[in-house]
C-alpha atoms as a PDB file:
ATOM      1  CA  MET A   1     246.492 -65.094 -11.985  1.00  0.00           C
ATOM      2  CA  PRO A   2     244.354 -67.142 -11.823  1.00  0.00           C
ATOM      3  CA  VAL A   3     243.696 -68.327 -14.820  1.00  0.00           C
ATOM      4  CA  ALA A   4     240.127 -67.589 -18.533  1.00  0.00           C
ATOM      5  CA  THR A   5     233.249 -74.882 -26.525  1.00  0.00           C
ATOM      6  CA  LEU A   6     230.317 -76.752 -28.279  1.00  0.00           C
ATOM      7  CA  VAL A   7     230.361 -80.363 -27.658  1.00  0.00           C
ATOM      8  CA  ILE A   8     227.049 -81.138 -29.891  1.00  0.00           C
ATOM      9  CA  ALA A   9     228.437 -79.141 -32.680  1.00  0.00           C
ATOM     10  CA  VAL A  10     231.647 -81.038 -32.382  1.00  0.00           C
ATOM     11  CA  LEU A  11     230.063 -84.272 -32.381  1.00  0.00           C
ATOM     12  CA  GLN A  12     227.736 -83.331 -35.430  1.00  0.00           C
ATOM     13  CA  THR A  13     231.149 -82.458 -37.181  1.00  0.00           C
ATOM     14  CA  ARG A  14     232.692 -85.552 -36.542  1.00  0.00           C
ATOM     15  CA  ALA A  15     229.572 -87.603 -37.737  1.00  0.00           C
ATOM     16  CA  MET A  16     229.130 -85.430 -40.954  1.00  0.00           C
ATOM     17  CA  ARG A  17     232.931 -86.036 -41.526  1.00  0.00           C
ATOM     18  CA  ASN A  18     232.675 -89.586 -41.194  1.00  0.00           C
ATOM     19  CA  LEU A  19     229.648 -89.877 -43.715  1.00  0.00           C
ATOM     20  CA  TYR A  20     231.850 -87.836 -46.178  1.00  0.00           C
ATOM     21  CA  LEU A  21     234.695 -90.021 -45.744  1.00  0.00           C
ATOM     22  CA  ARG A  22     232.464 -92.918 -46.737  1.00  0.00           C
ATOM     23  CA  LYS A  23     231.108 -91.381 -49.718  1.00  0.00           C
ATOM     24  CA  ILE A  24     234.745 -90.349 -50.820  1.00  0.00           C
ATOM     25  CA  LEU A  25     236.124 -94.011 -50.460  1.00  0.00           C
ATOM     26  CA  VAL A  26     232.882 -95.394 -52.211  1.00  0.00           C
ATOM     27  CA  VAL A  27     232.249 -92.730 -54.896  1.00  0.00           C
ATOM     28  CA  ALA A  28     235.577 -90.920 -55.811  1.00  0.00           C
ATOM     29  CA  ALA A  29     238.409 -92.937 -53.970  1.00  0.00           C
ATOM     30  CA  PHE A  30     239.956 -89.543 -53.261  1.00  0.00           C
ATOM     31  CA  PRO A  31     243.034 -89.625 -51.149  1.00  0.00           C
ATOM     32  CA  LEU A  32     242.768 -89.556 -47.484  1.00  0.00           C
ATOM     33  CA  CYS A  33     246.081 -88.007 -47.307  1.00  0.00           C
ATOM     34  CA  CYS A  34     244.727 -84.996 -48.671  1.00  0.00           C
ATOM     35  CA  LEU A  35     241.885 -84.748 -46.408  1.00  0.00           C
ATOM     36  CA  GLY A  36     243.923 -84.808 -43.184  1.00  0.00           C
ATOM     37  CA  PRO A  37     245.266 -81.330 -43.291  1.00  0.00           C
ATOM     38  CA  VAL A  38     241.859 -79.803 -44.060  1.00  0.00           C
ATOM     39  CA  LEU A  39     240.346 -81.230 -41.096  1.00  0.00           C
ATOM     40  CA  ALA A  40     243.343 -80.533 -38.637  1.00  0.00           C
ATOM     41  CA  GLN A  41     242.846 -76.657 -40.171  1.00  0.00           C
ATOM     42  CA  SER A  42     239.318 -76.773 -39.315  1.00  0.00           C
ATOM     43  CA  ALA A  43     239.826 -78.094 -35.828  1.00  0.00           C
ATOM     44  CA  ALA A  44     242.537 -75.497 -35.055  1.00  0.00           C
ATOM     45  CA  LYS A  45     239.982 -72.707 -36.206  1.00  0.00           C
ATOM     46  CA  ASP A  46     237.408 -74.134 -33.809  1.00  0.00           C
ATOM     47  CA  VAL A  47     239.818 -73.935 -30.943  1.00  0.00           C
ATOM     48  CA  HIS A  48     240.931 -70.591 -31.761  1.00  0.00           C
ATOM     49  CA  LYS A  49     237.299 -69.310 -32.125  1.00  0.00           C
ATOM     50  CA  ILE A  50     236.163 -70.800 -28.649  1.00  0.00           C
ATOM     51  CA  ALA A  51     239.356 -69.937 -26.938  1.00  0.00           C
ATOM     52  CA  GLU A  52     238.995 -66.448 -28.239  1.00  0.00           C
ATOM     53  CA  GLY A  53     235.436 -65.991 -26.935  1.00  0.00           C
ATOM     54  CA  VAL A  54     236.351 -67.335 -23.510  1.00  0.00           C
ATOM     55  CA  ASP A  55     239.226 -64.712 -23.522  1.00  0.00           C
ATOM     56  CA  ASN A  56     236.783 -61.736 -24.307  1.00  0.00           C
ATOM     57  CA  HIS A  57     234.029 -62.784 -21.862  1.00  0.00           C
ATOM     58  CA  TYR A  58     236.421 -63.174 -19.004  1.00  0.00           C
ATOM     59  CA  ASN A  59     238.680 -60.265 -19.743  1.00  0.00           C
ATOM     60  CA  HIS A  60     235.379 -58.031 -20.022  1.00  0.00           C
ATOM     61  CA  LEU A  61     234.648 -59.058 -16.339  1.00  0.00           C
ATOM     62  CA  GLN A  62     235.857 -57.235 -13.257  1.00  0.00           C
ATOM     63  CA  THR A  63     234.338 -59.621 -10.538  1.00  0.00           C
ATOM     64  CA  LEU A  64     232.755 -63.071 -10.423  1.00  0.00           C
ATOM     65  CA  GLU A  65     230.767 -64.845  -7.884  1.00  0.00           C
ATOM     66  CA  ALA A  66     230.033 -68.627  -8.112  1.00  0.00           C
ATOM     67  CA  GLU A  67     229.226 -71.718  -5.915  1.00  0.00           C
ATOM     68  CA  PHE A  68     231.930 -74.368  -6.451  1.00  0.00           C
ATOM     69  CA  ASN A  69     232.312 -77.952  -5.924  1.00  0.00           C
ATOM     70  CA  GLU A  70     235.731 -79.266  -5.724  1.00  0.00           C
ATOM     71  CA  SER A  71     236.758 -82.871  -5.891  1.00  0.00           C
ATOM     72  CA  TYR A  72     240.228 -84.720  -5.286  1.00  0.00           C
ATOM     73  CA  ARG A  73     241.104 -88.323  -6.032  1.00  0.00           C
ATOM     74  CA  GLY A  74     244.947 -89.454  -5.726  1.00  0.00           C
ATOM     75  CA  ASN A  75     247.510 -90.822  -3.530  1.00  0.00           C
ATOM     76  CA  GLY A  76     244.883 -92.773  -1.307  1.00  0.00           C
ATOM     77  CA  ILE A  77     242.616 -90.075  -0.927  1.00  0.00           C
ATOM     78  CA  ASP A  78     238.921 -89.344  -2.382  1.00  0.00           C
ATOM     79  CA  ARG A  79     237.358 -86.335  -0.915  1.00  0.00           C
ATOM     80  CA  SER A  80     234.737 -83.540  -2.124  1.00  0.00           C
ATOM     81  CA  GLU A  81     234.223 -80.188  -0.781  1.00  0.00           C
ATOM     82  CA  GLY A  82     232.151 -77.205  -1.681  1.00  0.00           C
ATOM     83  CA  GLY A  83     231.511 -73.554  -0.841  1.00  0.00           C
ATOM     84  CA  VAL A  84     231.664 -70.182  -2.610  1.00  0.00           C
ATOM     85  CA  LEU A  85     234.363 -68.259  -4.575  1.00  0.00           C
ATOM     86  CA  TRP A  86     234.934 -64.689  -5.432  1.00  0.00           C
ATOM     87  CA  LEU A  87     237.339 -63.232  -8.111  1.00  0.00           C
ATOM     88  CA  LYS A  88     238.222 -59.604  -8.454  1.00  0.00           C
ATOM     89  CA  LYS A  89     240.504 -57.708 -10.561  1.00  0.00           C
ATOM     90  CA  PRO A  90     243.325 -57.726 -10.300  1.00  0.00           C
ATOM     91  CA  ARG A  91     244.564 -61.340  -9.000  1.00  0.00           C
ATOM     92  CA  LYS A  92     242.113 -61.342  -5.891  1.00  0.00           C
ATOM     93  CA  MET A  93     240.351 -64.306  -4.953  1.00  0.00           C
ATOM     94  CA  ARG A  94     238.421 -65.805  -2.032  1.00  0.00           C
ATOM     95  CA  TRP A  95     237.691 -69.607  -1.958  1.00  0.00           C
ATOM     96  CA  GLU A  96     235.243 -69.878   1.215  1.00  0.00           C
ATOM     97  CA  TYR A  97     234.828 -73.629   1.819  1.00  0.00           C
ATOM     98  CA  ARG A  98     231.547 -74.483   3.587  1.00  0.00           C
ATOM     99  CA  SER A  99     231.505 -78.232   3.523  1.00  0.00           C
ATOM    100  CA  PRO A 100     232.113 -80.717   5.045  1.00  0.00           C
ATOM    101  CA  ARG A 101     234.641 -78.558   6.896  1.00  0.00           C
ATOM    102  CA  GLU A 102     235.092 -74.715   6.974  1.00  0.00           C
ATOM    103  CA  LYS A 103     238.375 -73.246   5.629  1.00  0.00           C
ATOM    104  CA  LEU A 104     239.690 -70.157   3.699  1.00  0.00           C
ATOM    105  CA  PHE A 105     241.988 -69.626   0.836  1.00  0.00           C
ATOM    106  CA  LEU A 106     242.303 -66.055  -0.019  1.00  0.00           C
ATOM    107  CA  SER A 107     244.648 -63.815  -2.219  1.00  0.00           C
ATOM    108  CA  ASP A 108     244.685 -59.839  -1.699  1.00  0.00           C
ATOM    109  CA  GLY A 109     246.603 -59.761  -4.828  1.00  0.00           C
ATOM    110  CA  LYS A 110     250.255 -59.618  -3.269  1.00  0.00           C
ATOM    111  CA  ASP A 111     249.945 -62.400  -0.746  1.00  0.00           C
ATOM    112  CA  ALA A 112     247.890 -65.507  -0.514  1.00  0.00           C
ATOM    113  CA  TRP A 113     246.504 -67.165   2.592  1.00  0.00           C
ATOM    114  CA  PHE A 114     245.401 -70.662   3.912  1.00  0.00           C
ATOM    115  CA  TYR A 115     243.411 -71.012   7.168  1.00  0.00           C
ATOM    116  CA  VAL A 116     241.274 -73.294   9.006  1.00  0.00           C
ATOM    117  CA  PRO A 117     238.866 -71.831  11.481  1.00  0.00           C
ATOM    118  CA  GLY A 118     240.273 -73.028  15.109  1.00  0.00           C
ATOM    119  CA  GLU A 119     243.863 -73.860  14.381  1.00  0.00           C
ATOM    120  CA  LYS A 120     246.809 -72.287  15.651  1.00  0.00           C
ATOM    121  CA  GLN A 121     248.788 -71.570  12.451  1.00  0.00           C
ATOM    122  CA  VAL A 122     247.783 -69.782   8.978  1.00  0.00           C
ATOM    123  CA  ARG A 123     250.057 -70.220   6.070  1.00  0.00           C
ATOM    124  CA  LYS A 124     250.973 -67.426   3.815  1.00  0.00           C
ATOM    125  CA  GLU A 125     252.976 -67.174   0.718  1.00  0.00           C
ATOM    126  CA  PRO A 126     253.803 -64.337  -2.005  1.00  0.00           C
ATOM    127  CA  PHE A 127     251.257 -64.470  -4.759  1.00  0.00           C
ATOM    128  CA  GLN A 128     254.004 -64.475  -7.376  1.00  0.00           C
ATOM    129  CA  LYS A 129     255.404 -67.727  -5.925  1.00  0.00           C
ATOM    130  CA  LEU A 130     252.061 -69.545  -5.616  1.00  0.00           C
ATOM    131  CA  GLU A 131     251.619 -72.869  -7.425  1.00  0.00           C
ATOM    132  CA  ASP A 132     248.231 -74.122  -5.819  1.00  0.00           C
ATOM    133  CA  LEU A 133     245.980 -75.623  -8.567  1.00  0.00           C
ATOM    134  CA  ARG A 134     243.471 -73.101  -7.606  1.00  0.00           C
ATOM    135  CA  SER A 135     245.560 -70.449  -9.042  1.00  0.00           C
ATOM    136  CA  PRO A 136     244.940 -70.815 -12.984  1.00  0.00           C
ATOM    137  CA  LEU A 137     241.228 -69.946 -12.280  1.00  0.00           C
ATOM    138  CA  GLY A 138     242.294 -66.437 -11.037  1.00  0.00           C
ATOM    139  CA  PHE A 139     244.099 -65.331 -14.066  1.00  0.00           C
ATOM    140  CA  LEU A 140     240.607 -65.498 -15.976  1.00  0.00           C
ATOM    141  CA  LEU A 141     240.133 -62.308 -14.635  1.00  0.00           C
ATOM    142  CA  GLY A 142     243.470 -60.826 -15.757  1.00  0.00           C
ATOM    143  CA  LYS A 143     244.334 -60.196 -19.177  1.00  0.00           C
ATOM    144  CA  ALA A 144     245.063 -63.884 -19.876  1.00  0.00           C
ATOM    145  CA  LYS A 145     244.598 -65.644 -23.332  1.00  0.00           C
ATOM    146  CA  LEU A 146     243.853 -69.439 -23.087  1.00  0.00           C
ATOM    147  CA  GLU A 147     245.826 -70.216 -26.137  1.00  0.00           C
ATOM    148  CA  LYS A 148     248.959 -68.565 -24.472  1.00  0.00           C
ATOM    149  CA  GLU A 149     248.482 -69.986 -20.994  1.00  0.00           C
ATOM    150  CA  LEU A 150     247.739 -73.481 -22.054  1.00  0.00           C
ATOM    151  CA  GLN A 151     250.314 -75.351 -24.492  1.00  0.00           C
ATOM    152  CA  GLY A 152     248.883 -77.607 -27.185  1.00  0.00           C
ATOM    153  CA  LEU A 153     245.300 -76.320 -26.676  1.00  0.00           C
ATOM    154  CA  SER A 154     242.854 -78.521 -28.602  1.00  0.00           C
ATOM    155  CA  LEU A 155     239.339 -79.986 -28.703  1.00  0.00           C
ATOM    156  CA  ALA A 156     238.973 -82.914 -26.413  1.00  0.00           C
ATOM    157  CA  THR A 157     236.446 -84.874 -28.455  1.00  0.00           C
ATOM    158  CA  ASP A 158     237.324 -87.941 -26.544  1.00  0.00           C
ATOM    159  CA  VAL A 159     236.062 -86.362 -23.175  1.00  0.00           C
ATOM    160  CA  VAL A 160     232.091 -86.561 -22.546  1.00  0.00           C
ATOM    161  CA  PRO A 161     231.068 -83.068 -20.794  1.00  0.00           C
ATOM    162  CA  VAL A 162     228.819 -82.861 -17.859  1.00  0.00           C
ATOM    163  CA  ASP A 163     226.447 -80.729 -20.126  1.00  0.00           C
ATOM    164  CA  ALA A 164     225.994 -82.165 -23.499  1.00  0.00           C
ATOM    165  CA  LYS A 165     225.794 -78.514 -24.744  1.00  0.00           C
ATOM    166  CA  ASN A 166     229.303 -77.756 -23.674  1.00  0.00           C
ATOM    167  CA  THR A 167     232.431 -78.310 -25.316  1.00  0.00           C
ATOM    168  CA  VAL A 168     235.681 -79.520 -23.619  1.00  0.00           C
ATOM    169  CA  LEU A 169     239.159 -78.279 -24.496  1.00  0.00           C
ATOM    170  CA  ARG A 170     242.625 -79.530 -23.137  1.00  0.00           C
ATOM    171  CA  GLY A 171     246.205 -78.106 -22.797  1.00  0.00           C
ATOM    172  CA  VAL A 172     249.215 -77.942 -20.500  1.00  0.00           C
ATOM    173  CA  PRO A 173     249.557 -74.845 -18.393  1.00  0.00           C
ATOM    174  CA  LYS A 174     253.273 -73.347 -18.939  1.00  0.00           C
ATOM    175  CA  ALA A 175     253.388 -72.233 -15.364  1.00  0.00           C
ATOM    176  CA  LEU A 176     252.846 -75.755 -14.025  1.00  0.00           C
ATOM    177  CA  GLY A 177     254.107 -77.981 -16.817  1.00  0.00           C
ATOM    178  CA  GLU A 178     256.232 -80.156 -14.671  1.00  0.00           C
ATOM    179  CA  ARG A 179     253.554 -80.777 -12.097  1.00  0.00           C
ATOM    180  CA  ILE A 180     250.385 -81.077 -14.427  1.00  0.00           C
ATOM    181  CA  SER A 181     250.079 -83.516 -17.333  1.00  0.00           C
ATOM    182  CA  GLN A 182     246.796 -81.710 -18.720  1.00  0.00           C
ATOM    183  CA  VAL A 183     244.145 -79.589 -17.671  1.00  0.00           C
ATOM    184  CA  GLN A 184     240.694 -79.944 -19.236  1.00  0.00           C
ATOM    185  CA  LEU A 185     238.186 -76.860 -19.586  1.00  0.00           C
ATOM    186  CA  GLU A 186     234.426 -77.563 -20.134  1.00  0.00           C
ATOM    187  CA  ILE A 187     232.954 -74.245 -21.850  1.00  0.00           C
ATOM    188  CA  SER A 188     229.228 -73.531 -22.096  1.00  0.00           C
ATOM    189  CA  PRO A 189     228.130 -71.988 -25.355  1.00  0.00           C
ATOM    190  CA  GLY A 190     228.207 -68.730 -23.708  1.00  0.00           C
ATOM    191  CA  ASN A 191     231.852 -68.789 -23.299  1.00  0.00           C
ATOM    192  CA  ARG A 192     231.761 -69.543 -19.467  1.00  0.00           C
ATOM    193  CA  ILE A 193     234.089 -72.308 -17.886  1.00  0.00           C
ATOM    194  CA  GLU A 194     231.749 -74.500 -16.064  1.00  0.00           C
ATOM    195  CA  LEU A 195     234.481 -76.931 -15.142  1.00  0.00           C
ATOM    196  CA  ILE A 196     238.129 -77.274 -14.464  1.00  0.00           C
ATOM    197  CA  ARG A 197     239.737 -80.992 -14.352  1.00  0.00           C
ATOM    198  CA  ILE A 198     243.248 -81.167 -13.481  1.00  0.00           C
ATOM    199  CA  GLU A 199     245.413 -84.054 -14.089  1.00  0.00           C
ATOM    200  CA  GLU A 200     248.580 -84.097 -12.315  1.00  0.00           C
ATOM    201  CA  ALA A 201     251.802 -85.853 -13.174  1.00  0.00           C
ATOM    202  CA  ASP A 202     251.345 -88.502 -10.362  1.00  0.00           C
ATOM    203  CA  GLY A 203     247.979 -89.411 -11.422  1.00  0.00           C
ATOM    204  CA  ALA A 204     246.215 -87.315  -9.013  1.00  0.00           C
ATOM    205  CA  VAL A 205     242.927 -85.418 -10.270  1.00  0.00           C
ATOM    206  CA  THR A 206     241.378 -82.307  -8.936  1.00  0.00           C
ATOM    207  CA  GLU A 207     237.968 -81.293 -10.492  1.00  0.00           C
ATOM    208  CA  TYR A 208     236.464 -77.713  -9.930  1.00  0.00           C
ATOM    209  CA  ARG A 209     232.604 -77.348 -10.981  1.00  0.00           C
ATOM    210  CA  LEU A 210     231.199 -73.846 -10.813  1.00  0.00           C
ATOM    211  CA  SER A 211     227.620 -73.108 -10.818  1.00  0.00           C
ATOM    212  CA  GLU A 212     225.356 -70.176 -10.098  1.00  0.00           C
ATOM    213  CA  GLN A 213     227.898 -67.707 -11.627  1.00  0.00           C
ATOM    214  CA  LYS A 214     227.260 -64.113 -11.013  1.00  0.00           C
ATOM    215  CA  GLU A 215     229.206 -61.479 -13.127  1.00  0.00           C
ATOM    216  CA  ASN A 216     230.414 -58.071 -12.278  1.00  0.00           C
ATOM    217  CA  VAL A 217     228.688 -58.250  -8.620  1.00  0.00           C
ATOM    218  CA  LYS A 218     229.838 -55.493  -6.450  1.00  0.00           C
ATOM    219  CA  LEU A 219     232.764 -56.473  -4.232  1.00  0.00           C
ATOM    220  CA  GLY A 220     234.758 -54.561  -1.693  1.00  0.00           C
ATOM    221  CA  ASP A 221     238.448 -55.154  -1.349  1.00  0.00           C
ATOM    222  CA  ASP A 222     237.615 -55.880   2.610  1.00  0.00           C
ATOM    223  CA  ARG A 223     236.382 -59.377   1.311  1.00  0.00           C
ATOM    224  CA  PHE A 224     240.082 -60.046   0.136  1.00  0.00           C
ATOM    225  CA  ARG A 225     241.765 -58.990   3.047  1.00  0.00           C
ATOM    226  CA  PHE A 226     242.772 -61.341   5.873  1.00  0.00           C
ATOM    227  CA  SER A 227     244.043 -60.647   9.292  1.00  0.00           C
ATOM    228  CA  PRO A 228     245.130 -63.562  11.418  1.00  0.00           C
ATOM    229  CA  PRO A 229     243.077 -63.859  14.609  1.00  0.00           C
ATOM    230  CA  PRO A 230     244.857 -63.246  17.901  1.00  0.00           C
ATOM    231  CA  GLY A 231     247.025 -66.236  19.192  1.00  0.00           C
ATOM    232  CA  VAL A 232     247.219 -67.650  15.528  1.00  0.00           C
ATOM    233  CA  GLU A 233     251.081 -68.068  14.042  1.00  0.00           C
ATOM    234  CA  THR A 234     251.713 -67.119  10.489  1.00  0.00           C
ATOM    235  CA  ILE A 235     253.677 -69.579   8.878  1.00  0.00           C
ATOM    236  CA  GLU A 236     255.684 -68.476   5.645  1.00  0.00           C
ATOM    237  CA  GLY A 237     255.870 -71.149   3.116  1.00  0.00           C
ATOM    238  CA  ASP A 238     254.068 -73.379   0.450  1.00  0.00           C
ATOM    239  CA  LEU A 239     250.387 -73.385   0.042  1.00  0.00           C
ATOM    240  CA  SER A 240     249.842 -76.661  -1.912  1.00  0.00           C
ATOM    241  CA  GLN A 241     247.638 -79.081  -0.312  1.00  0.00           C
END
């Protein structure tokens, strides 16, 4: 599935670079055209190092539990929801929404389900056809590599992170390139993804903030199984909301 940075260092690097450029212009008049490729190579190395750290961190995990806050703005809608997320290799995830309304999004590795308690229908879709925006996060517990999953991965130095210690990367997911204009990942110094911001082609923005992350907790497969309650009809189709 799904999917898996140091902002202060990046800002300091930019400040030092500006000072260095001024010294060059005043003292040596060194051609800026020669400096550009060097800076580009340095940024590319930073991105590779950060992405590699995230890959190594998540690819060594078997399970993950976290609290999440999801916000969506677009198409005249502005909503915020929260709950608990569980991920388990391979391709299993459970999004248990608890506020403001209970609902469940679940993948057992084969099929994905979406159910709102009290409703008479549950939606189901084969995991391989899933295009829901939550799916990239689940890939972080697979053998994914950020530089392969996200095209044009780069440092988002123009984005202010929620936590000043973090770094923000941006890229475009290959699987959802026609629907999504970019994905931003806020990454902690410990290589944890703490925020995912998804900007869609139509201007809508979805954000997932992860907190209280617990790694390699014991999770049984039963947590990722779903059986429709009596009297609830199963509808096969698109789970995108």
